[in-house]
Amino acid sequence: MGQINLEDNLRYQKALPLASRVVARGSSNAVKKDEVDQYLNHHLSIAVINTQLFADAALTAIYQGSGGIYRKANNLARGALIAAAVDKASQVIPEHVQMASSEIF
């Protein structure tokens, strides 16, 4: 299960050995902003974080930067949390997301 570009990459000549071993194929589609918000909040609840670590504008920036792809949103949120920690900030703001996106993508 992967993103659409994975399927495209498996079509290259060099990827044929790997592609021949893939039994089933599927792709994940982008999700809506509220689903990304729920995804991030779910992970925070698993970590027993009860405070709102992400400002609403930061959640919007994560959604826009990830294009609604969970894995990208996760990486962007993690990077933004690290940027906020370096700044000794109590909440992630859009600038932290921007810093994370310049490091990740």
Protein backbone atom coordinates (compact mmCIF):
# COMPACT_ATOMS: atom_id res chain seq x y z
CA MET A 1 0.00 0.00 0.00
CA GLY A 2 1.57 3.24 -1.00
CA GLN A 3 1.27 6.56 -2.65
CA ILE A 4 0.48 6.83 -6.33
CA ASN A 5 4.08 7.71 -7.22
CA LEU A 6 5.23 4.34 -5.82
CA GLU A 7 3.18 2.56 -8.45
CA ASP A 8 4.74 4.79 -11.12
CA ASN A 9 8.25 4.08 -9.83
CA LEU A 10 7.66 0.32 -9.97
CA ARG A 11 7.22 0.63 -13.74
CA TYR A 12 10.86 1.58 -14.31
CA GLN A 13 13.15 -1.08 -15.76
CA LYS A 14 15.43 -1.04 -12.69
CA ALA A 15 12.43 -1.68 -10.41
CA LEU A 16 11.12 -4.74 -12.28
CA PRO A 17 12.69 -7.27 -9.86
CA LEU A 18 10.90 -5.57 -6.95
CA ALA A 19 7.69 -5.04 -8.92
CA SER A 20 7.55 -8.74 -9.78
CA ARG A 21 7.44 -9.58 -6.06
CA VAL A 22 4.52 -7.27 -5.26
CA VAL A 23 1.47 -9.49 -4.85
CA ALA A 24 -1.23 -6.86 -4.51
CA ARG A 25 -1.28 -3.17 -5.19
CA GLY A 26 -3.26 -0.32 -3.78
CA SER A 27 -2.83 3.36 -3.21
CA SER A 28 -3.82 5.81 -0.55
CA ASN A 29 -5.66 8.95 -1.47
CA ALA A 30 -5.29 12.32 0.17
CA VAL A 31 -7.63 12.94 3.08
CA LYS A 32 -9.42 16.08 4.27
CA LYS A 33 -8.02 18.51 6.80
CA ASP A 34 -10.23 17.35 9.67
CA GLU A 35 -8.98 13.78 9.14
CA VAL A 36 -5.36 14.93 9.40
CA ASP A 37 -6.26 16.88 12.56
CA GLN A 38 -7.90 13.77 14.05
CA TYR A 39 -4.90 11.66 13.06
CA LEU A 40 -2.45 13.98 14.81
CA ASN A 41 -4.66 14.33 17.89
CA HIS A 42 -5.00 10.55 18.08
CA HIS A 43 -1.21 10.16 18.15
CA LEU A 44 -0.95 12.82 20.83
CA SER A 45 -3.56 11.02 22.93
CA ILE A 46 -1.60 7.76 22.63
CA ALA A 47 1.39 9.65 24.03
CA VAL A 48 -0.90 10.91 26.83
CA ILE A 49 -0.50 14.54 25.78
CA ASN A 50 -3.47 16.47 27.14
CA THR A 51 -2.50 19.96 26.00
CA GLN A 52 -3.07 21.39 22.54
CA LEU A 53 0.48 21.34 21.15
CA PHE A 54 -0.46 22.58 17.68
CA ALA A 55 -1.97 26.00 17.03
CA ASP A 56 -4.87 25.88 14.58
CA ALA A 57 -2.78 27.73 12.00
CA ALA A 58 -0.01 25.14 12.43
CA LEU A 59 -2.49 22.31 11.77
CA THR A 60 -3.55 24.10 8.60
CA ALA A 61 0.10 24.46 7.57
CA ILE A 62 0.72 20.75 8.21
CA TYR A 63 -2.29 19.82 6.12
CA GLN A 64 -1.26 22.08 3.27
CA GLY A 65 2.35 20.93 3.41
CA SER A 66 1.41 17.26 3.47
CA GLY A 67 -1.22 17.41 0.77
CA GLY A 68 -3.44 15.28 2.99
CA ILE A 69 -1.03 12.30 3.03
CA TYR A 70 -0.75 10.84 6.53
CA ARG A 71 2.92 9.87 6.33
CA LYS A 72 3.91 13.34 5.15
CA ALA A 73 1.74 14.96 7.84
CA ASN A 74 3.37 12.76 10.47
CA ASN A 75 6.89 13.68 9.33
CA LEU A 76 6.01 17.36 9.11
CA ALA A 77 4.38 17.36 12.55
CA ARG A 78 7.38 15.60 14.09
CA GLY A 79 9.78 18.10 12.53
CA ALA A 80 7.61 21.00 13.68
CA LEU A 81 7.58 19.63 17.24
CA ILE A 82 11.37 19.48 17.18
CA ALA A 83 11.55 23.05 15.85
CA ALA A 84 9.19 24.19 18.63
CA ALA A 85 11.32 22.39 21.24
CA VAL A 86 14.47 24.10 19.95
CA ASP A 87 12.65 27.45 20.29
CA LYS A 88 11.47 26.39 23.77
CA ALA A 89 7.92 27.16 22.60
CA SER A 90 4.90 25.69 24.36
CA GLN A 91 2.94 25.42 21.12
CA VAL A 92 3.79 24.66 17.49
CA ILE A 93 3.11 27.60 15.20
CA PRO A 94 3.19 27.84 11.39
CA GLU A 95 6.79 29.06 11.43
CA HIS A 96 7.84 25.77 13.06
CA VAL A 97 6.03 23.88 10.32
CA GLN A 98 7.84 25.99 7.73
CA MET A 99 11.20 25.20 9.33
CA ALA A 100 10.33 21.51 9.34
CA SER A 101 9.27 21.53 5.72
CA SER A 102 12.54 23.13 4.63
CA GLU A 103 14.45 20.37 6.43
CA ILE A 104 12.29 17.43 5.30
CA PHE A 105 11.16 18.10 1.75
